[in-house]
Amino acid sequence: VGAMGVEACKAAAMGKELPANVPAPVLLINKDNAEASLKNFPRPGGDYPDPFREMLK
């Protein structure tokens, strides 16, 4: 969520139109994805929709 907030600020500073609402990404950690989550820490353990990523390209 923090990284998306920074991306949103950068996009706004570039004059991009931001969406009115962006759902916060949530990843439930369980035994099936715990290893990947630990390996990627502090990055997210999986992919998530990020509408601001494309705006910054």
PDB file of N, CA and C in Angstrom:
ATOM      1  N   VAL A   1       0.830  -1.181   0.000  1.00  0.00           N
ATOM      2  CA  VAL A   1       0.000   0.000   0.000  1.00  0.00           C
ATOM      3  C   VAL A   1       0.878   1.250   0.000  1.00  0.00           C
ATOM      4  N   GLY A   2       1.973   1.231   0.751  1.00  0.00           N
ATOM      5  CA  GLY A   2       2.859   2.392   0.817  1.00  0.00           C
ATOM      6  C   GLY A   2       3.472   2.722  -0.526  1.00  0.00           C
ATOM      7  N   ALA A   3       3.940   1.692  -1.240  1.00  0.00           N
ATOM      8  CA  ALA A   3       4.546   1.911  -2.554  1.00  0.00           C
ATOM      9  C   ALA A   3       3.515   2.465  -3.532  1.00  0.00           C
ATOM     10  N   MET A   4       2.287   1.960  -3.456  1.00  0.00           N
ATOM     11  CA  MET A   4       1.243   2.464  -4.348  1.00  0.00           C
ATOM     12  C   MET A   4       0.934   3.925  -4.046  1.00  0.00           C
ATOM     13  N   GLY A   5       1.003   4.322  -2.789  1.00  0.00           N
ATOM     14  CA  GLY A   5       0.779   5.721  -2.424  1.00  0.00           C
ATOM     15  C   GLY A   5       1.830   6.632  -3.028  1.00  0.00           C
ATOM     16  N   VAL A   6       3.082   6.187  -2.984  1.00  0.00           N
ATOM     17  CA  VAL A   6       4.172   6.966  -3.583  1.00  0.00           C
ATOM     18  C   VAL A   6       3.987   7.035  -5.094  1.00  0.00           C
ATOM     19  N   GLU A   7       3.629   5.906  -5.714  1.00  0.00           N
ATOM     20  CA  GLU A   7       3.384   5.891  -7.159  1.00  0.00           C
ATOM     21  C   GLU A   7       2.236   6.830  -7.525  1.00  0.00           C
ATOM     22  N   ALA A   8       1.189   6.860  -6.708  1.00  0.00           N
ATOM     23  CA  ALA A   8       0.053   7.748  -6.965  1.00  0.00           C
ATOM     24  C   ALA A   8       0.492   9.206  -6.902  1.00  0.00           C
ATOM     25  N   CYS A   9       1.324   9.541  -5.932  1.00  0.00           N
ATOM     26  CA  CYS A   9       1.824  10.921  -5.818  1.00  0.00           C
ATOM     27  C   CYS A   9       2.659  11.297  -7.033  1.00  0.00           C
ATOM     28  N   LYS A  10       3.516  10.387  -7.476  1.00  0.00           N
ATOM     29  CA  LYS A  10       4.343  10.654  -8.658  1.00  0.00           C
ATOM     30  C   LYS A  10       3.462  10.849  -9.894  1.00  0.00           C
ATOM     31  N   ALA A  11       2.459   9.977 -10.059  1.00  0.00           N
ATOM     32  CA  ALA A  11       1.562  10.080 -11.211  1.00  0.00           C
ATOM     33  C   ALA A  11       0.796  11.402 -11.178  1.00  0.00           C
ATOM     34  N   ALA A  12       0.330  11.799 -10.009  1.00  0.00           N
ATOM     35  CA  ALA A  12      -0.392  13.069  -9.881  1.00  0.00           C
ATOM     36  C   ALA A  12       0.523  14.238 -10.217  1.00  0.00           C
ATOM     37  N   ALA A  13       1.776  14.174  -9.782  1.00  0.00           N
ATOM     38  CA  ALA A  13       2.730  15.245 -10.078  1.00  0.00           C
ATOM     39  C   ALA A  13       3.013  15.337 -11.572  1.00  0.00           C
ATOM     40  N   MET A  14       2.844  14.206 -12.280  1.00  0.00           N
ATOM     41  CA  MET A  14       3.039  14.191 -13.733  1.00  0.00           C
ATOM     42  C   MET A  14       1.779  14.638 -14.472  1.00  0.00           C
ATOM     43  N   GLY A  15       0.716  14.958 -13.724  1.00  0.00           N
ATOM     44  CA  GLY A  15      -0.521  15.415 -14.343  1.00  0.00           C
ATOM     45  C   GLY A  15      -1.456  14.301 -14.769  1.00  0.00           C
ATOM     46  N   LYS A  16      -1.200  13.078 -14.329  1.00  0.00           N
ATOM     47  CA  LYS A  16      -2.061  11.948 -14.692  1.00  0.00           C
ATOM     48  C   LYS A  16      -3.363  12.013 -13.900  1.00  0.00           C
ATOM     49  N   GLU A  17      -4.431  11.507 -14.500  1.00  0.00           N
ATOM     50  CA  GLU A  17      -5.718  11.443 -13.805  1.00  0.00           C
ATOM     51  C   GLU A  17      -5.765  10.155 -12.990  1.00  0.00           C
ATOM     52  N   LEU A  18      -5.947  10.293 -11.693  1.00  0.00           N
ATOM     53  CA  LEU A  18      -5.937   9.139 -10.797  1.00  0.00           C
ATOM     54  C   LEU A  18      -7.339   8.576 -10.617  1.00  0.00           C
ATOM     55  N   PRO A  19      -7.444   7.266 -10.400  1.00  0.00           N
ATOM     56  CA  PRO A  19      -8.755   6.683 -10.129  1.00  0.00           C
ATOM     57  C   PRO A  19      -9.308   7.199  -8.801  1.00  0.00           C
ATOM     58  N   ALA A  20     -10.613   7.279  -8.704  1.00  0.00           N
ATOM     59  CA  ALA A  20     -11.253   7.781  -7.484  1.00  0.00           C
ATOM     60  C   ALA A  20     -11.094   6.810  -6.322  1.00  0.00           C
ATOM     61  N   ASN A  21     -10.980   5.519  -6.624  1.00  0.00           N
ATOM     62  CA  ASN A  21     -10.886   4.510  -5.571  1.00  0.00           C
ATOM     63  C   ASN A  21      -9.973   3.386  -6.040  1.00  0.00           C
ATOM     64  N   VAL A  22      -9.070   2.966  -5.175  1.00  0.00           N
ATOM     65  CA  VAL A  22      -8.187   1.836  -5.476  1.00  0.00           C
ATOM     66  C   VAL A  22      -8.219   0.896  -4.273  1.00  0.00           C
ATOM     67  N   PRO A  23      -8.680  -0.343  -4.470  1.00  0.00           N
ATOM     68  CA  PRO A  23      -8.705  -1.279  -3.352  1.00  0.00           C
ATOM     69  C   PRO A  23      -7.285  -1.624  -2.897  1.00  0.00           C
ATOM     70  N   ALA A  24      -7.093  -1.704  -1.598  1.00  0.00           N
ATOM     71  CA  ALA A  24      -5.784  -2.063  -1.050  1.00  0.00           C
ATOM     72  C   ALA A  24      -5.515  -3.544  -1.302  1.00  0.00           C
ATOM     73  N   PRO A  25      -4.309  -3.866  -1.769  1.00  0.00           N
ATOM     74  CA  PRO A  25      -3.994  -5.281  -1.991  1.00  0.00           C
ATOM     75  C   PRO A  25      -3.825  -6.017  -0.664  1.00  0.00           C
ATOM     76  N   VAL A  26      -4.392  -7.210  -0.599  1.00  0.00           N
ATOM     77  CA  VAL A  26      -4.292  -8.038   0.604  1.00  0.00           C
ATOM     78  C   VAL A  26      -3.865  -9.437   0.171  1.00  0.00           C
ATOM     79  N   LEU A  27      -2.871  -9.983   0.841  1.00  0.00           N
ATOM     80  CA  LEU A  27      -2.420 -11.342   0.551  1.00  0.00           C
ATOM     81  C   LEU A  27      -2.455 -12.138   1.846  1.00  0.00           C
ATOM     82  N   LEU A  28      -3.238 -13.185   1.851  1.00  0.00           N
ATOM     83  CA  LEU A  28      -3.310 -14.064   3.007  1.00  0.00           C
ATOM     84  C   LEU A  28      -2.132 -15.027   2.935  1.00  0.00           C
ATOM     85  N   ILE A  29      -1.305 -15.029   3.972  1.00  0.00           N
ATOM     86  CA  ILE A  29      -0.155 -15.924   4.016  1.00  0.00           C
ATOM     87  C   ILE A  29      -0.592 -17.239   4.658  1.00  0.00           C
ATOM     88  N   ASN A  30      -0.303 -18.341   3.961  1.00  0.00           N
ATOM     89  CA  ASN A  30      -0.613 -19.667   4.494  1.00  0.00           C
ATOM     90  C   ASN A  30       0.543 -20.610   4.159  1.00  0.00           C
ATOM     91  N   LYS A  31       0.388 -21.881   4.457  1.00  0.00           N
ATOM     92  CA  LYS A  31       1.495 -22.816   4.241  1.00  0.00           C
ATOM     93  C   LYS A  31       1.859 -22.960   2.761  1.00  0.00           C
ATOM     94  N   ASP A  32       0.916 -22.683   1.863  1.00  0.00           N
ATOM     95  CA  ASP A  32       1.181 -22.818   0.434  1.00  0.00           C
ATOM     96  C   ASP A  32       2.042 -21.693  -0.130  1.00  0.00           C
ATOM     97  N   ASN A  33       1.987 -20.505   0.473  1.00  0.00           N
ATOM     98  CA  ASN A  33       2.743 -19.377  -0.072  1.00  0.00           C
ATOM     99  C   ASN A  33       3.717 -18.758   0.933  1.00  0.00           C
ATOM    100  N   ALA A  34       3.866 -19.383   2.094  1.00  0.00           N
ATOM    101  CA  ALA A  34       4.729 -18.808   3.131  1.00  0.00           C
ATOM    102  C   ALA A  34       6.177 -18.707   2.669  1.00  0.00           C
ATOM    103  N   GLU A  35       6.682 -19.732   2.007  1.00  0.00           N
ATOM    104  CA  GLU A  35       8.082 -19.719   1.567  1.00  0.00           C
ATOM    105  C   GLU A  35       8.340 -18.582   0.577  1.00  0.00           C
ATOM    106  N   ALA A  36       7.455 -18.405  -0.396  1.00  0.00           N
ATOM    107  CA  ALA A  36       7.614 -17.317  -1.368  1.00  0.00           C
ATOM    108  C   ALA A  36       7.515 -15.964  -0.682  1.00  0.00           C
ATOM    109  N   SER A  37       6.632 -15.847   0.278  1.00  0.00           N
ATOM    110  CA  SER A  37       6.475 -14.579   0.991  1.00  0.00           C
ATOM    111  C   SER A  37       7.725 -14.242   1.790  1.00  0.00           C
ATOM    112  N   LEU A  38       8.303 -15.228   2.454  1.00  0.00           N
ATOM    113  CA  LEU A  38       9.538 -14.998   3.208  1.00  0.00           C
ATOM    114  C   LEU A  38      10.703 -14.671   2.280  1.00  0.00           C
ATOM    115  N   LYS A  39      10.770 -15.358   1.148  1.00  0.00           N
ATOM    116  CA  LYS A  39      11.848 -15.121   0.178  1.00  0.00           C
ATOM    117  C   LYS A  39      11.784 -13.703  -0.375  1.00  0.00           C
ATOM    118  N   ASN A  40      10.592 -13.202  -0.630  1.00  0.00           N
ATOM    119  CA  ASN A  40      10.416 -11.874  -1.229  1.00  0.00           C
ATOM    120  C   ASN A  40      10.418 -10.738  -0.218  1.00  0.00           C
ATOM    121  N   PHE A  41      10.328 -11.058   1.070  1.00  0.00           N
ATOM    122  CA  PHE A  41      10.240 -10.018   2.097  1.00  0.00           C
ATOM    123  C   PHE A  41      11.388  -9.024   1.971  1.00  0.00           C
ATOM    124  N   PRO A  42      11.159  -7.710   2.059  1.00  0.00           N
ATOM    125  CA  PRO A  42       9.925  -7.028   2.425  1.00  0.00           C
ATOM    126  C   PRO A  42       8.990  -6.741   1.247  1.00  0.00           C
ATOM    127  N   ARG A  43       9.344  -7.186   0.052  1.00  0.00           N
ATOM    128  CA  ARG A  43       8.440  -7.022  -1.095  1.00  0.00           C
ATOM    129  C   ARG A  43       7.241  -7.953  -0.913  1.00  0.00           C
ATOM    130  N   PRO A  44       6.141  -7.694  -1.604  1.00  0.00           N
ATOM    131  CA  PRO A  44       4.968  -8.565  -1.499  1.00  0.00           C
ATOM    132  C   PRO A  44       5.286  -9.999  -1.933  1.00  0.00           C
ATOM    133  N   GLY A  45       4.563 -10.937  -1.379  1.00  0.00           N
ATOM    134  CA  GLY A  45       4.772 -12.338  -1.700  1.00  0.00           C
ATOM    135  C   GLY A  45       4.137 -12.774  -2.999  1.00  0.00           C
ATOM    136  N   GLY A  46       3.462 -11.895  -3.671  1.00  0.00           N
ATOM    137  CA  GLY A  46       2.819 -12.230  -4.935  1.00  0.00           C
ATOM    138  C   GLY A  46       2.463 -10.983  -5.712  1.00  0.00           C
ATOM    139  N   ASP A  47       1.911 -11.200  -6.893  1.00  0.00           N
ATOM    140  CA  ASP A  47       1.487 -10.076  -7.731  1.00  0.00           C
ATOM    141  C   ASP A  47       0.188  -9.486  -7.205  1.00  0.00           C
ATOM    142  N   TYR A  48      -0.016  -8.228  -7.486  1.00  0.00           N
ATOM    143  CA  TYR A  48      -1.251  -7.552  -7.096  1.00  0.00           C
ATOM    144  C   TYR A  48      -1.540  -6.466  -8.118  1.00  0.00           C
ATOM    145  N   PRO A  49      -2.810  -6.127  -8.314  1.00  0.00           N
ATOM    146  CA  PRO A  49      -3.150  -5.078  -9.274  1.00  0.00           C
ATOM    147  C   PRO A  49      -2.645  -3.721  -8.789  1.00  0.00           C
ATOM    148  N   ASP A  50      -1.952  -3.018  -9.655  1.00  0.00           N
ATOM    149  CA  ASP A  50      -1.404  -1.702  -9.320  1.00  0.00           C
ATOM    150  C   ASP A  50      -1.691  -0.753 -10.484  1.00  0.00           C
ATOM    151  N   PRO A  51      -2.764   0.037 -10.393  1.00  0.00           N
ATOM    152  CA  PRO A  51      -3.134   0.909 -11.508  1.00  0.00           C
ATOM    153  C   PRO A  51      -2.126   2.025 -11.766  1.00  0.00           C
ATOM    154  N   PHE A  52      -1.248   2.298 -10.819  1.00  0.00           N
ATOM    155  CA  PHE A  52      -0.307   3.408 -10.974  1.00  0.00           C
ATOM    156  C   PHE A  52       0.973   2.996 -11.693  1.00  0.00           C
ATOM    157  N   ARG A  53       1.287   1.723 -11.678  1.00  0.00           N
ATOM    158  CA  ARG A  53       2.521   1.230 -12.302  1.00  0.00           C
ATOM    159  C   ARG A  53       2.586   1.624 -13.779  1.00  0.00           C
ATOM    160  N   GLU A  54       1.496   1.402 -14.494  1.00  0.00           N
ATOM    161  CA  GLU A  54       1.461   1.736 -15.928  1.00  0.00           C
ATOM    162  C   GLU A  54       1.524   3.242 -16.161  1.00  0.00           C
ATOM    163  N   MET A  55       0.954   4.017 -15.256  1.00  0.00           N
ATOM    164  CA  MET A  55       0.952   5.475 -15.412  1.00  0.00           C
ATOM    165  C   MET A  55       2.356   6.054 -15.372  1.00  0.00           C
ATOM    166  N   LEU A  56       3.269   5.374 -14.703  1.00  0.00           N
ATOM    167  CA  LEU A  56       4.615   5.910 -14.514  1.00  0.00           C
ATOM    168  C   LEU A  56       5.578   5.503 -15.617  1.00  0.00           C
ATOM    169  N   LYS A  57       5.120   4.705 -16.566  1.00  0.00           N
ATOM    170  CA  LYS A  57       5.997   4.286 -17.674  1.00  0.00           C
ATOM    171  C   LYS A  57       6.090   5.358 -18.717  1.00  0.00           C
TER     172      LYS A  57
END
